[in-house]
């Protein structure tokens, strides 16, 4: 049986184009897993305030045990119920990014100039991070091609993409490495972790390095499906929450061995 469940939120648990956006079967599956002692972490690109808002908006009947936010930060509940830093990971993460941006600003500026002159996208520099939002997936493909070339000039410089959004980051901090840090703090091994997600920024937790059991819903990006298959994972037919429930059912026999 798994001990830690790591799920993306938007597109993986929540389908914004469906009514209701969250499958009732998903809620029941999460409650059943919780009853069996499985701890749940939402591993999201949302900020802490945004994911708390999302859980409330979509009326989740339970709260996650942990949240990993902005594709890199680790939070747990304290005794008073507040979300607080878990260990010193977040402070190390902040320091690493502050140092990175001091060096990487000319490279970021190069991408931003391309975006402003060659696309309909725009630069982002706010509480959600430093990055870019494109006008379309096709436009973001062009921006990513430039980012690949630019990031190659500075080994620590990287990015996380989610649909038409892109956030610059330190290469050592991702959904995958944040999950690994949480597992270290909880003394849980890779063999006891299940991870699921649907987009490019989920790939670091779906490639098999940090979770043995990986899956993605049917609405996932083609690159995500390819990575999950390569890691021996399960690509569901159902979309979003239905795909999650399907994947849990697929692996349940293996977990009980």
Protein backbone atom coordinates (compact mmCIF):
# COMPACT_ATOMS: atom_id res chain seq x y z
CA UNK A 1 0.00 0.00 0.00
CA UNK A 2 1.22 3.50 -0.74
CA UNK A 3 2.02 5.85 2.13
CA UNK A 4 2.15 9.20 0.30
CA UNK A 5 -0.10 10.43 -2.50
CA UNK A 6 1.22 13.40 -4.53
CA UNK A 7 -1.35 15.02 -6.82
CA UNK A 8 -1.37 18.02 -9.06
CA UNK A 9 -4.56 20.10 -8.72
CA UNK A 10 -5.79 21.89 -11.86
CA UNK A 11 -6.38 19.49 -14.73
CA UNK A 12 -5.60 16.47 -12.56
CA UNK A 13 -8.17 16.67 -9.77
CA UNK A 14 -10.21 19.61 -11.06
CA UNK A 15 -11.66 19.82 -14.58
CA UNK A 16 -12.59 23.45 -15.12
CA UNK A 17 -14.66 22.57 -18.19
CA UNK A 18 -16.88 20.05 -16.43
CA UNK A 19 -19.98 20.33 -14.26
CA UNK A 20 -19.30 19.46 -11.50
CA UNK A 21 -15.59 20.31 -11.85
CA UNK A 22 -14.58 17.56 -9.40
CA UNK A 23 -15.83 14.00 -9.72
CA UNK A 24 -17.73 12.78 -6.62
CA UNK A 25 -15.88 9.46 -7.06
CA UNK A 26 -12.61 11.34 -6.59
CA UNK A 27 -13.77 12.73 -3.25
CA UNK A 28 -14.75 9.25 -2.10
CA UNK A 29 -11.43 7.78 -3.25
CA UNK A 30 -9.45 10.40 -1.33
CA UNK A 31 -11.51 9.75 1.79
CA UNK A 32 -10.97 5.99 1.46
CA UNK A 33 -7.22 6.41 1.04
CA UNK A 34 -7.12 8.71 4.08
CA UNK A 35 -9.00 6.09 6.12
CA UNK A 36 -6.28 3.60 5.21
CA UNK A 37 -3.56 5.90 6.51
CA UNK A 38 -2.37 7.34 3.20
CA UNK A 39 -1.12 10.89 3.51
CA UNK A 40 -2.07 13.31 0.73
CA UNK A 41 0.02 16.18 -0.63
CA UNK A 42 -1.22 18.63 -3.26
CA UNK A 43 1.79 19.35 -5.49
CA UNK A 44 0.83 22.45 -7.46
CA UNK A 45 2.02 25.46 -9.39
CA UNK A 46 -0.44 27.57 -7.41
CA UNK A 47 0.76 29.80 -4.59
CA UNK A 48 -0.19 28.86 -1.03
CA UNK A 49 -3.07 31.36 -0.88
CA UNK A 50 -4.32 30.24 -4.29
CA UNK A 51 -4.41 26.52 -3.45
CA UNK A 52 -6.16 27.17 -0.12
CA UNK A 53 -8.72 29.19 -2.07
CA UNK A 54 -9.09 26.39 -4.65
CA UNK A 55 -9.71 23.68 -2.06
CA UNK A 56 -12.43 25.84 -0.56
CA UNK A 57 -13.92 26.85 -3.94
CA UNK A 58 -14.32 23.25 -5.11
CA UNK A 59 -15.58 22.08 -1.70
CA UNK A 60 -13.09 19.31 -1.02
CA UNK A 61 -14.40 17.25 1.92
CA UNK A 62 -10.90 16.87 3.34
CA UNK A 63 -7.74 18.93 3.39
CA UNK A 64 -4.35 17.68 2.24
CA UNK A 65 -1.81 16.78 4.89
CA UNK A 66 0.79 18.86 3.05
CA UNK A 67 0.95 21.32 0.17
CA UNK A 68 3.86 21.87 -2.20
CA UNK A 69 3.32 25.22 -3.87
CA UNK A 70 4.72 27.28 -6.76
CA UNK A 71 6.34 24.07 -8.03
CA UNK A 72 8.92 24.19 -5.23
CA UNK A 73 7.80 25.15 -1.67
CA UNK A 74 6.95 22.71 1.15
CA UNK A 75 4.26 23.42 3.77
CA UNK A 76 2.61 21.50 6.60
CA UNK A 77 -0.06 22.30 9.19
CA UNK A 78 1.09 23.42 12.64
CA UNK A 79 -0.76 22.79 15.90
CA UNK A 80 -2.99 25.84 15.39
CA UNK A 81 -3.97 24.75 11.88
CA UNK A 82 -1.86 27.31 10.01
CA UNK A 83 0.19 26.36 6.97
CA UNK A 84 3.88 26.80 7.85
CA UNK A 85 7.27 25.99 6.35
CA UNK A 86 8.28 22.36 6.81
CA UNK A 87 11.96 22.33 7.68
CA UNK A 88 14.42 24.75 6.09
CA UNK A 89 13.70 23.82 2.47
CA UNK A 90 11.73 27.01 1.71
CA UNK A 91 14.42 29.31 3.07
CA UNK A 92 17.07 27.47 1.05
CA UNK A 93 14.81 27.68 -1.99
CA UNK A 94 14.31 31.43 -1.58
CA UNK A 95 18.02 32.03 -1.13
CA UNK A 96 18.90 29.96 -4.20
CA UNK A 97 16.42 31.85 -6.36
CA UNK A 98 17.52 35.26 -5.10
CA UNK A 99 21.11 34.40 -6.01
CA UNK A 100 20.06 32.95 -9.36
CA UNK A 101 18.09 36.00 -10.45
CA UNK A 102 21.03 38.29 -9.71
CA UNK A 103 22.98 36.40 -12.37
CA UNK A 104 20.15 35.47 -14.73
CA UNK A 105 18.50 38.87 -15.24
CA UNK A 106 20.20 39.50 -18.62
CA UNK A 107 18.90 36.12 -19.81
CA UNK A 108 15.41 36.78 -18.48
CA UNK A 109 15.46 40.17 -20.18
CA UNK A 110 16.42 38.51 -23.46
CA UNK A 111 13.37 36.25 -23.26
CA UNK A 112 11.11 39.14 -22.26
CA UNK A 113 12.28 41.22 -25.23
CA UNK A 114 11.49 38.33 -27.56
CA UNK A 115 8.05 37.96 -25.99
CA UNK A 116 7.26 41.68 -26.31
CA UNK A 117 8.43 42.00 -29.93
CA UNK A 118 7.74 38.59 -31.47
CA UNK A 119 4.60 37.35 -29.67
CA UNK A 120 1.32 38.52 -28.18
CA UNK A 121 2.43 37.31 -24.75
CA UNK A 122 3.62 39.32 -21.77
CA UNK A 123 6.16 39.21 -18.99
CA UNK A 124 5.20 38.28 -15.41
CA UNK A 125 6.95 39.57 -12.28
CA UNK A 126 4.63 39.33 -9.28
CA UNK A 127 3.84 37.20 -6.23
CA UNK A 128 3.36 34.14 -8.44
CA UNK A 129 6.92 34.37 -9.74
CA UNK A 130 9.01 35.65 -12.63
CA UNK A 131 8.06 34.36 -16.04
CA UNK A 132 5.88 34.68 -19.12
CA UNK A 133 2.28 34.13 -20.18
CA UNK A 134 1.70 33.40 -23.87
CA UNK A 135 -1.38 33.97 -26.02
CA UNK A 136 -1.56 30.30 -27.06
CA UNK A 137 0.09 26.90 -26.63
CA UNK A 138 1.71 27.29 -30.06
CA UNK A 139 3.16 30.64 -29.04
CA UNK A 140 4.48 29.11 -25.82
CA UNK A 141 6.20 26.39 -27.88
CA UNK A 142 8.20 29.16 -29.59
CA UNK A 143 9.04 30.80 -26.27
CA UNK A 144 10.15 27.47 -24.79
CA UNK A 145 12.46 26.89 -27.78
CA UNK A 146 14.20 30.17 -26.97
CA UNK A 147 14.29 29.35 -23.25
CA UNK A 148 16.04 26.07 -23.99
CA UNK A 149 18.80 27.93 -25.79
CA UNK A 150 19.05 30.70 -23.18
CA UNK A 151 19.04 28.37 -20.16
CA UNK A 152 21.87 26.32 -21.63
CA UNK A 153 24.17 29.30 -20.98
CA UNK A 154 23.66 29.13 -17.19
CA UNK A 155 23.49 25.61 -15.69
CA UNK A 156 21.36 26.63 -12.68
CA UNK A 157 18.82 28.51 -14.80
CA UNK A 158 15.66 26.63 -15.77
CA UNK A 159 11.90 27.06 -16.19
CA UNK A 160 8.62 25.30 -15.47
CA UNK A 161 5.86 25.36 -18.05
CA UNK A 162 2.15 24.84 -17.45
CA UNK A 163 0.07 25.33 -20.61
CA UNK A 164 0.49 28.99 -21.66
CA UNK A 165 2.31 29.91 -18.44
CA UNK A 166 6.03 29.69 -17.78
CA UNK A 167 7.95 30.44 -14.58
CA UNK A 168 11.74 30.79 -14.38
CA UNK A 169 13.37 28.79 -11.60
CA UNK A 170 16.52 27.24 -10.19
CA UNK A 171 17.06 23.82 -11.74
CA UNK A 172 17.37 22.18 -8.31
CA UNK A 173 13.81 23.13 -7.28
CA UNK A 174 10.78 21.50 -8.88
CA UNK A 175 7.70 19.45 -8.04
CA UNK A 176 9.98 16.42 -8.06
CA UNK A 177 12.67 17.68 -5.71
CA UNK A 178 10.08 19.24 -3.36
CA UNK A 179 8.37 15.84 -3.19
CA UNK A 180 11.72 14.20 -2.47
CA UNK A 181 12.34 16.63 0.39
CA UNK A 182 8.91 15.94 1.88
CA UNK A 183 9.55 12.20 1.62
CA UNK A 184 12.91 12.66 3.37
CA UNK A 185 11.28 14.57 6.22
CA UNK A 186 8.59 11.90 6.57
CA UNK A 187 11.10 9.04 6.14
CA UNK A 188 9.05 7.60 3.28
CA UNK A 189 10.80 5.85 0.40
CA UNK A 190 10.21 6.17 -3.33
CA UNK A 191 8.63 2.70 -3.31
CA UNK A 192 5.76 4.03 -1.16
CA UNK A 193 4.91 7.13 -3.21
CA UNK A 194 2.24 7.60 -5.89
CA UNK A 195 2.28 10.74 -8.08
CA UNK A 196 -0.12 12.00 -10.72
CA UNK A 197 -0.24 15.10 -12.90
CA UNK A 198 -1.22 16.30 -16.35
CA UNK A 199 1.16 18.99 -17.62
CA UNK A 200 4.80 19.80 -18.32
CA UNK A 201 5.53 21.13 -14.84
CA UNK A 202 4.45 17.75 -13.41
CA UNK A 203 7.10 15.81 -15.34
CA UNK A 204 9.76 16.12 -12.59
CA UNK A 205 7.53 14.12 -10.21
CA UNK A 206 6.34 11.65 -12.88
CA UNK A 207 9.59 10.41 -14.41
CA UNK A 208 10.13 7.66 -11.84
CA UNK A 209 12.96 9.25 -9.87
CA UNK A 210 10.91 10.25 -6.82
CA UNK A 211 7.76 8.10 -7.03
CA UNK A 212 7.56 4.44 -8.01
CA UNK A 213 3.87 4.63 -8.90
CA UNK A 214 3.04 7.30 -11.49
CA UNK A 215 -0.01 8.07 -13.58
CA UNK A 216 -1.65 10.79 -15.62
CA UNK A 217 -5.25 11.45 -16.76
CA UNK A 218 -6.37 11.20 -20.36
CA UNK A 219 -6.33 14.99 -20.80
CA UNK A 220 -2.58 15.15 -20.15
CA UNK A 221 -0.09 16.76 -22.53
CA UNK A 222 1.45 14.26 -24.99
CA UNK A 223 4.90 14.76 -23.45
CA UNK A 224 3.52 13.84 -20.03
CA UNK A 225 1.94 10.64 -21.34
CA UNK A 226 5.25 9.69 -22.94
CA UNK A 227 7.18 10.22 -19.70
CA UNK A 228 4.64 8.28 -17.63
CA UNK A 229 4.73 5.32 -20.02
CA UNK A 230 8.54 5.35 -20.00
CA UNK A 231 8.47 5.23 -16.18
CA UNK A 232 6.20 2.18 -16.24
CA UNK A 233 3.22 4.20 -15.14
CA UNK A 234 -0.43 4.30 -16.13
CA UNK A 235 -2.05 6.61 -18.67
CA UNK A 236 -5.75 6.74 -17.87
CA UNK A 237 -8.56 7.00 -20.37
CA UNK A 238 -10.67 9.15 -18.06
CA UNK A 239 -9.96 12.85 -17.72
CA UNK A 240 -8.95 14.74 -14.57
CA UNK A 241 -10.51 13.24 -11.42
CA UNK A 242 -12.01 10.29 -13.29
CA UNK A 243 -8.54 9.47 -14.56
CA UNK A 244 -7.15 9.64 -11.03
CA UNK A 245 -9.79 7.21 -9.73
CA UNK A 246 -9.09 4.91 -12.70
CA UNK A 247 -5.34 4.93 -11.98
CA UNK A 248 -5.87 4.16 -8.29
CA UNK A 249 -7.99 1.18 -9.29
CA UNK A 250 -5.38 0.03 -11.79
CA UNK A 251 -2.59 -0.03 -9.20
CA UNK A 252 -4.58 -1.20 -6.18
CA UNK A 253 -3.80 -4.89 -6.69
CA UNK A 254 -0.07 -4.21 -6.94
CA UNK A 255 -0.12 -2.10 -3.75
CA UNK A 256 -1.79 -4.87 -1.79
CA UNK A 257 0.82 -7.51 -2.64
